Amino acid sequence: EMYPADVDLPGLALRLGADVPFFLLGSAAI
């Protein structure tokens, strides 16, 4: 939001850790 750019956020999230994509999603999920 601070520095908008065409970045693959889900890809970055997964490389950081297995739970990070879930928090990026922001809702209950299987």
PDB file of all heavy atoms in Angstrom:
ATOM      1  N   GLU A   1       0.835  -1.205   0.000  1.00  0.00           N
ATOM      2  CA  GLU A   1       0.000   0.000   0.000  1.00  0.00           C
ATOM      3  C   GLU A   1       0.871   1.257   0.000  1.00  0.00           C
ATOM      4  O   GLU A   1       0.550   2.249  -0.669  1.00  0.00           O
ATOM      5  CB  GLU A   1      -0.916   0.000   1.232  1.00  0.00           C
ATOM      6  CG  GLU A   1      -1.879   1.173   1.288  1.00  0.00           C
ATOM      7  CD  GLU A   1      -2.832   1.095   2.457  1.00  0.00           C
ATOM      8  OE1 GLU A   1      -2.991   0.009   3.042  1.00  0.00           O
ATOM      9  OE2 GLU A   1      -3.422   2.153   2.807  1.00  0.00           O
ATOM     10  N   MET A   2       1.973   1.201   0.742  1.00  0.00           N
ATOM     11  CA  MET A   2       2.859   2.361   0.836  1.00  0.00           C
ATOM     12  C   MET A   2       3.622   2.593  -0.467  1.00  0.00           C
ATOM     13  O   MET A   2       3.774   3.719  -0.930  1.00  0.00           O
ATOM     14  CB  MET A   2       3.842   2.156   1.997  1.00  0.00           C
ATOM     15  CG  MET A   2       4.756   3.327   2.267  1.00  0.00           C
ATOM     16  SD  MET A   2       5.883   2.973   3.654  1.00  0.00           S
ATOM     17  CE  MET A   2       4.718   2.854   5.019  1.00  0.00           C
ATOM     18  N   TYR A   3       4.106   1.501  -1.059  1.00  0.00           N
ATOM     19  CA  TYR A   3       4.884   1.557  -2.295  1.00  0.00           C
ATOM     20  C   TYR A   3       4.267   0.598  -3.320  1.00  0.00           C
ATOM     21  O   TYR A   3       4.755  -0.503  -3.529  1.00  0.00           O
ATOM     22  CB  TYR A   3       6.336   1.151  -2.044  1.00  0.00           C
ATOM     23  CG  TYR A   3       7.103   2.008  -1.070  1.00  0.00           C
ATOM     24  CD1 TYR A   3       7.768   1.429   0.008  1.00  0.00           C
ATOM     25  CD2 TYR A   3       7.187   3.387  -1.237  1.00  0.00           C
ATOM     26  CE1 TYR A   3       8.503   2.207   0.900  1.00  0.00           C
ATOM     27  CE2 TYR A   3       7.911   4.176  -0.357  1.00  0.00           C
ATOM     28  CZ  TYR A   3       8.570   3.579   0.709  1.00  0.00           C
ATOM     29  OH  TYR A   3       9.285   4.357   1.590  1.00  0.00           O
ATOM     30  N   PRO A   4       3.165   0.985  -3.958  1.00  0.00           N
ATOM     31  CA  PRO A   4       2.499   0.081  -4.905  1.00  0.00           C
ATOM     32  C   PRO A   4       3.443  -0.344  -6.027  1.00  0.00           C
ATOM     33  O   PRO A   4       4.194   0.472  -6.568  1.00  0.00           O
ATOM     34  CB  PRO A   4       1.347   0.931  -5.453  1.00  0.00           C
ATOM     35  CG  PRO A   4       1.121   1.985  -4.417  1.00  0.00           C
ATOM     36  CD  PRO A   4       2.468   2.287  -3.852  1.00  0.00           C
ATOM     37  N   ALA A   5       3.412  -1.641  -6.339  1.00  0.00           N
ATOM     38  CA  ALA A   5       4.249  -2.177  -7.412  1.00  0.00           C
ATOM     39  C   ALA A   5       3.687  -3.515  -7.844  1.00  0.00           C
ATOM     40  O   ALA A   5       2.924  -4.164  -7.106  1.00  0.00           O
ATOM     41  CB  ALA A   5       5.702  -2.332  -6.952  1.00  0.00           C
ATOM     42  N   ASP A   6       4.040  -3.941  -9.027  1.00  0.00           N
ATOM     43  CA  ASP A   6       3.585  -5.224  -9.566  1.00  0.00           C
ATOM     44  C   ASP A   6       4.448  -6.340  -8.970  1.00  0.00           C
ATOM     45  O   ASP A   6       5.431  -6.775  -9.577  1.00  0.00           O
ATOM     46  CB  ASP A   6       3.679  -5.217 -11.091  1.00  0.00           C
ATOM     47  CG  ASP A   6       3.101  -6.488 -11.703  1.00  0.00           C
ATOM     48  OD1 ASP A   6       2.399  -7.231 -10.977  1.00  0.00           O
ATOM     49  OD2 ASP A   6       3.369  -6.750 -12.891  1.00  0.00           O
ATOM     50  N   VAL A   7       4.070  -6.762  -7.779  1.00  0.00           N
ATOM     51  CA  VAL A   7       4.849  -7.758  -7.038  1.00  0.00           C
ATOM     52  C   VAL A   7       3.964  -8.960  -6.740  1.00  0.00           C
ATOM     53  O   VAL A   7       2.779  -8.812  -6.419  1.00  0.00           O
ATOM     54  CB  VAL A   7       5.373  -7.159  -5.715  1.00  0.00           C
ATOM     55  CG1 VAL A   7       6.021  -8.223  -4.840  1.00  0.00           C
ATOM     56  CG2 VAL A   7       6.376  -6.045  -5.998  1.00  0.00           C
ATOM     57  N   ASP A   8       4.512 -10.150  -6.852  1.00  0.00           N
ATOM     58  CA  ASP A   8       3.794 -11.394  -6.559  1.00  0.00           C
ATOM     59  C   ASP A   8       3.778 -11.601  -5.043  1.00  0.00           C
ATOM     60  O   ASP A   8       4.636 -12.289  -4.485  1.00  0.00           O
ATOM     61  CB  ASP A   8       4.483 -12.565  -7.263  1.00  0.00           C
ATOM     62  CG  ASP A   8       3.836 -13.907  -6.946  1.00  0.00           C
ATOM     63  OD1 ASP A   8       2.700 -13.917  -6.425  1.00  0.00           O
ATOM     64  OD2 ASP A   8       4.484 -14.950  -7.198  1.00  0.00           O
ATOM     65  N   LEU A   9       2.776 -10.993  -4.383  1.00  0.00           N
ATOM     66  CA  LEU A   9       2.713 -11.093  -2.916  1.00  0.00           C
ATOM     67  C   LEU A   9       2.558 -12.536  -2.432  1.00  0.00           C
ATOM     68  O   LEU A   9       3.251 -12.945  -1.490  1.00  0.00           O
ATOM     69  CB  LEU A   9       1.575 -10.223  -2.378  1.00  0.00           C
ATOM     70  CG  LEU A   9       1.774  -8.706  -2.445  1.00  0.00           C
ATOM     71  CD1 LEU A   9       0.605  -8.002  -1.776  1.00  0.00           C
ATOM     72  CD2 LEU A   9       3.084  -8.278  -1.812  1.00  0.00           C
ATOM     73  N   PRO A  10       1.648 -13.351  -3.014  1.00  0.00           N
ATOM     74  CA  PRO A  10       1.544 -14.742  -2.554  1.00  0.00           C
ATOM     75  C   PRO A  10       2.859 -15.507  -2.700  1.00  0.00           C
ATOM     76  O   PRO A  10       3.207 -16.324  -1.841  1.00  0.00           O
ATOM     77  CB  PRO A  10       0.448 -15.325  -3.441  1.00  0.00           C
ATOM     78  CG  PRO A  10      -0.394 -14.157  -3.821  1.00  0.00           C
ATOM     79  CD  PRO A  10       0.589 -13.037  -3.987  1.00  0.00           C
ATOM     80  N   GLY A  11       3.584 -15.257  -3.784  1.00  0.00           N
ATOM     81  CA  GLY A  11       4.866 -15.918  -3.978  1.00  0.00           C
ATOM     82  C   GLY A  11       5.871 -15.521  -2.915  1.00  0.00           C
ATOM     83  O   GLY A  11       6.583 -16.364  -2.357  1.00  0.00           O
ATOM     84  N   LEU A  12       5.932 -14.217  -2.609  1.00  0.00           N
ATOM     85  CA  LEU A  12       6.817 -13.748  -1.543  1.00  0.00           C
ATOM     86  C   LEU A  12       6.411 -14.367  -0.214  1.00  0.00           C
ATOM     87  O   LEU A  12       7.263 -14.791   0.579  1.00  0.00           O
ATOM     88  CB  LEU A  12       6.755 -12.223  -1.431  1.00  0.00           C
ATOM     89  CG  LEU A  12       7.464 -11.379  -2.491  1.00  0.00           C
ATOM     90  CD1 LEU A  12       7.331  -9.905  -2.147  1.00  0.00           C
ATOM     91  CD2 LEU A  12       8.927 -11.769  -2.589  1.00  0.00           C
ATOM     92  N   ALA A  13       5.106 -14.410   0.035  1.00  0.00           N
ATOM     93  CA  ALA A  13       4.608 -14.938   1.303  1.00  0.00           C
ATOM     94  C   ALA A  13       5.034 -16.385   1.505  1.00  0.00           C
ATOM     95  O   ALA A  13       5.504 -16.764   2.588  1.00  0.00           O
ATOM     96  CB  ALA A  13       3.086 -14.819   1.361  1.00  0.00           C
ATOM     97  N   LEU A  14       4.902 -17.199   0.473  1.00  0.00           N
ATOM     98  CA  LEU A  14       5.239 -18.617   0.605  1.00  0.00           C
ATOM     99  C   LEU A  14       6.733 -18.808   0.855  1.00  0.00           C
ATOM    100  O   LEU A  14       7.132 -19.683   1.621  1.00  0.00           O
ATOM    101  CB  LEU A  14       4.808 -19.380  -0.647  1.00  0.00           C
ATOM    102  CG  LEU A  14       5.051 -20.896  -0.617  1.00  0.00           C
ATOM    103  CD1 LEU A  14       4.362 -21.533   0.580  1.00  0.00           C
ATOM    104  CD2 LEU A  14       4.579 -21.528  -1.906  1.00  0.00           C
ATOM    105  N   ARG A  15       7.545 -17.978   0.240  1.00  0.00           N
ATOM    106  CA  ARG A  15       8.982 -18.098   0.463  1.00  0.00           C
ATOM    107  C   ARG A  15       9.373 -17.705   1.882  1.00  0.00           C
ATOM    108  O   ARG A  15      10.394 -18.163   2.406  1.00  0.00           O
ATOM    109  CB  ARG A  15       9.757 -17.244  -0.551  1.00  0.00           C
ATOM    110  CG  ARG A  15       9.708 -17.819  -1.966  1.00  0.00           C
ATOM    111  CD  ARG A  15      10.765 -17.209  -2.861  1.00  0.00           C
ATOM    112  NE  ARG A  15      10.513 -15.800  -3.152  1.00  0.00           N
ATOM    113  CZ  ARG A  15       9.732 -15.377  -4.146  1.00  0.00           C
ATOM    114  NH1 ARG A  15       9.096 -16.255  -4.920  1.00  0.00           N
ATOM    115  NH2 ARG A  15       9.577 -14.091  -4.369  1.00  0.00           N
ATOM    116  N   LEU A  16       8.549 -16.892   2.524  1.00  0.00           N
ATOM    117  CA  LEU A  16       8.838 -16.469   3.895  1.00  0.00           C
ATOM    118  C   LEU A  16       8.444 -17.522   4.922  1.00  0.00           C
ATOM    119  O   LEU A  16       9.055 -17.619   5.983  1.00  0.00           O
ATOM    120  CB  LEU A  16       8.111 -15.155   4.199  1.00  0.00           C
ATOM    121  CG  LEU A  16       8.662 -13.927   3.481  1.00  0.00           C
ATOM    122  CD1 LEU A  16       7.667 -12.778   3.549  1.00  0.00           C
ATOM    123  CD2 LEU A  16       9.996 -13.508   4.091  1.00  0.00           C
ATOM    124  N   GLY A  17       7.413 -18.315   4.629  1.00  0.00           N
ATOM    125  CA  GLY A  17       6.983 -19.333   5.583  1.00  0.00           C
ATOM    126  C   GLY A  17       5.644 -19.917   5.211  1.00  0.00           C
ATOM    127  O   GLY A  17       4.829 -19.269   4.528  1.00  0.00           O
ATOM    128  N   ALA A  18       5.382 -21.153   5.669  1.00  0.00           N
ATOM    129  CA  ALA A  18       4.190 -21.885   5.238  1.00  0.00           C
ATOM    130  C   ALA A  18       2.882 -21.222   5.675  1.00  0.00           C
ATOM    131  O   ALA A  18       1.867 -21.348   4.994  1.00  0.00           O
ATOM    132  CB  ALA A  18       4.248 -23.318   5.760  1.00  0.00           C
ATOM    133  N   ASP A  19       2.874 -20.514   6.823  1.00  0.00           N
ATOM    134  CA  ASP A  19       1.644 -19.889   7.309  1.00  0.00           C
ATOM    135  C   ASP A  19       1.422 -18.488   6.756  1.00  0.00           C
ATOM    136  O   ASP A  19       0.329 -17.934   6.895  1.00  0.00           O
ATOM    137  CB  ASP A  19       1.652 -19.812   8.845  1.00  0.00           C
ATOM    138  CG  ASP A  19       1.340 -21.152   9.506  1.00  0.00           C
ATOM    139  OD1 ASP A  19       0.894 -22.076   8.797  1.00  0.00           O
ATOM    140  OD2 ASP A  19       1.547 -21.269  10.725  1.00  0.00           O
ATOM    141  N   VAL A  20       2.442 -17.892   6.157  1.00  0.00           N
ATOM    142  CA  VAL A  20       2.324 -16.501   5.714  1.00  0.00           C
ATOM    143  C   VAL A  20       1.249 -16.338   4.639  1.00  0.00           C
ATOM    144  O   VAL A  20       0.477 -15.368   4.680  1.00  0.00           O
ATOM    145  CB  VAL A  20       3.686 -15.958   5.248  1.00  0.00           C
ATOM    146  CG1 VAL A  20       3.572 -14.485   4.852  1.00  0.00           C
ATOM    147  CG2 VAL A  20       4.732 -16.118   6.358  1.00  0.00           C
ATOM    148  N   PRO A  21       1.117 -17.258   3.653  1.00  0.00           N
ATOM    149  CA  PRO A  21       0.037 -17.095   2.664  1.00  0.00           C
ATOM    150  C   PRO A  21      -1.357 -17.055   3.295  1.00  0.00           C
ATOM    151  O   PRO A  21      -2.228 -16.323   2.819  1.00  0.00           O
ATOM    152  CB  PRO A  21       0.203 -18.324   1.765  1.00  0.00           C
ATOM    153  CG  PRO A  21       1.653 -18.670   1.860  1.00  0.00           C
ATOM    154  CD  PRO A  21       2.018 -18.383   3.285  1.00  0.00           C
ATOM    155  N   PHE A  22      -1.577 -17.821   4.370  1.00  0.00           N
ATOM    156  CA  PHE A  22      -2.881 -17.793   5.030  1.00  0.00           C
ATOM    157  C   PHE A  22      -3.182 -16.397   5.567  1.00  0.00           C
ATOM    158  O   PHE A  22      -4.286 -15.866   5.390  1.00  0.00           O
ATOM    159  CB  PHE A  22      -2.929 -18.810   6.168  1.00  0.00           C
ATOM    160  CG  PHE A  22      -4.062 -18.574   7.138  1.00  0.00           C
ATOM    161  CD1 PHE A  22      -5.360 -18.879   6.791  1.00  0.00           C
ATOM    162  CD2 PHE A  22      -3.820 -17.990   8.379  1.00  0.00           C
ATOM    163  CE1 PHE A  22      -6.419 -18.629   7.673  1.00  0.00           C
ATOM    164  CE2 PHE A  22      -4.856 -17.739   9.262  1.00  0.00           C
ATOM    165  CZ  PHE A  22      -6.162 -18.064   8.908  1.00  0.00           C
ATOM    166  N   PHE A  23      -2.226 -15.789   6.224  1.00  0.00           N
ATOM    167  CA  PHE A  23      -2.460 -14.459   6.786  1.00  0.00           C
ATOM    168  C   PHE A  23      -2.598 -13.408   5.693  1.00  0.00           C
ATOM    169  O   PHE A  23      -3.294 -12.412   5.871  1.00  0.00           O
ATOM    170  CB  PHE A  23      -1.331 -14.095   7.756  1.00  0.00           C
ATOM    171  CG  PHE A  23      -1.392 -14.842   9.047  1.00  0.00           C
ATOM    172  CD1 PHE A  23      -0.477 -15.836   9.335  1.00  0.00           C
ATOM    173  CD2 PHE A  23      -2.369 -14.568   9.984  1.00  0.00           C
ATOM    174  CE1 PHE A  23      -0.518 -16.536  10.527  1.00  0.00           C
ATOM    175  CE2 PHE A  23      -2.436 -15.260  11.187  1.00  0.00           C
ATOM    176  CZ  PHE A  23      -1.513 -16.250  11.455  1.00  0.00           C
ATOM    177  N   LEU A  24      -1.959 -13.635   4.574  1.00  0.00           N
ATOM    178  CA  LEU A  24      -2.122 -12.725   3.440  1.00  0.00           C
ATOM    179  C   LEU A  24      -3.549 -12.821   2.902  1.00  0.00           C
ATOM    180  O   LEU A  24      -4.132 -11.814   2.489  1.00  0.00           O
ATOM    181  CB  LEU A  24      -1.113 -13.068   2.351  1.00  0.00           C
ATOM    182  CG  LEU A  24      -0.883 -12.033   1.263  1.00  0.00           C
ATOM    183  CD1 LEU A  24      -0.309 -10.746   1.841  1.00  0.00           C
ATOM    184  CD2 LEU A  24       0.043 -12.587   0.190  1.00  0.00           C
ATOM    185  N   LEU A  25      -4.137 -14.028   2.932  1.00  0.00           N
ATOM    186  CA  LEU A  25      -5.513 -14.224   2.476  1.00  0.00           C
ATOM    187  C   LEU A  25      -6.484 -13.465   3.362  1.00  0.00           C
ATOM    188  O   LEU A  25      -7.414 -12.815   2.886  1.00  0.00           O
ATOM    189  CB  LEU A  25      -5.849 -15.717   2.481  1.00  0.00           C
ATOM    190  CG  LEU A  25      -7.270 -16.109   2.078  1.00  0.00           C
ATOM    191  CD1 LEU A  25      -7.522 -15.822   0.609  1.00  0.00           C
ATOM    192  CD2 LEU A  25      -7.519 -17.587   2.391  1.00  0.00           C
ATOM    193  N   GLY A  26      -6.306 -13.576   4.682  1.00  0.00           N
ATOM    194  CA  GLY A  26      -7.081 -12.776   5.621  1.00  0.00           C
ATOM    195  C   GLY A  26      -8.458 -13.296   5.966  1.00  0.00           C
ATOM    196  O   GLY A  26      -9.307 -12.534   6.432  1.00  0.00           O
ATOM    197  N   SER A  27      -8.713 -14.595   5.756  1.00  0.00           N
ATOM    198  CA  SER A  27     -10.013 -15.155   6.123  1.00  0.00           C
ATOM    199  C   SER A  27      -9.830 -16.610   6.529  1.00  0.00           C
ATOM    200  O   SER A  27      -8.768 -17.210   6.296  1.00  0.00           O
ATOM    201  CB  SER A  27     -10.998 -15.063   4.953  1.00  0.00           C
ATOM    202  OG  SER A  27     -10.613 -15.922   3.897  1.00  0.00           O
ATOM    203  N   ALA A  28     -10.850 -17.178   7.153  1.00  0.00           N
ATOM    204  CA  ALA A  28     -10.803 -18.590   7.512  1.00  0.00           C
ATOM    205  C   ALA A  28     -10.611 -19.423   6.254  1.00  0.00           C
ATOM    206  O   ALA A  28     -11.141 -19.099   5.181  1.00  0.00           O
ATOM    207  CB  ALA A  28     -12.087 -19.005   8.222  1.00  0.00           C
ATOM    208  N   ALA A  29      -9.825 -20.490   6.374  1.00  0.00           N
ATOM    209  CA  ALA A  29      -9.533 -21.282   5.179  1.00  0.00           C
ATOM    210  C   ALA A  29      -9.098 -22.689   5.568  1.00  0.00           C
ATOM    211  O   ALA A  29      -8.552 -22.919   6.647  1.00  0.00           O
ATOM    212  CB  ALA A  29      -8.433 -20.626   4.348  1.00  0.00           C
ATOM    213  N   ILE A  30      -9.354 -23.625   4.665  1.00  0.00           N
ATOM    214  CA  ILE A  30      -8.755 -24.948   4.750  1.00  0.00           C
ATOM    215  C   ILE A  30      -7.375 -24.838   4.117  1.00  0.00           C
ATOM    216  O   ILE A  30      -7.234 -24.344   3.000  1.00  0.00           O
ATOM    217  CB  ILE A  30      -9.601 -25.989   3.998  1.00  0.00           C
ATOM    218  CG1 ILE A  30     -11.026 -26.049   4.568  1.00  0.00           C
ATOM    219  CG2 ILE A  30      -8.935 -27.367   4.045  1.00  0.00           C
ATOM    220  CD1 ILE A  30     -12.000 -26.816   3.694  1.00  0.00           C
TER     221      ILE A  30
END
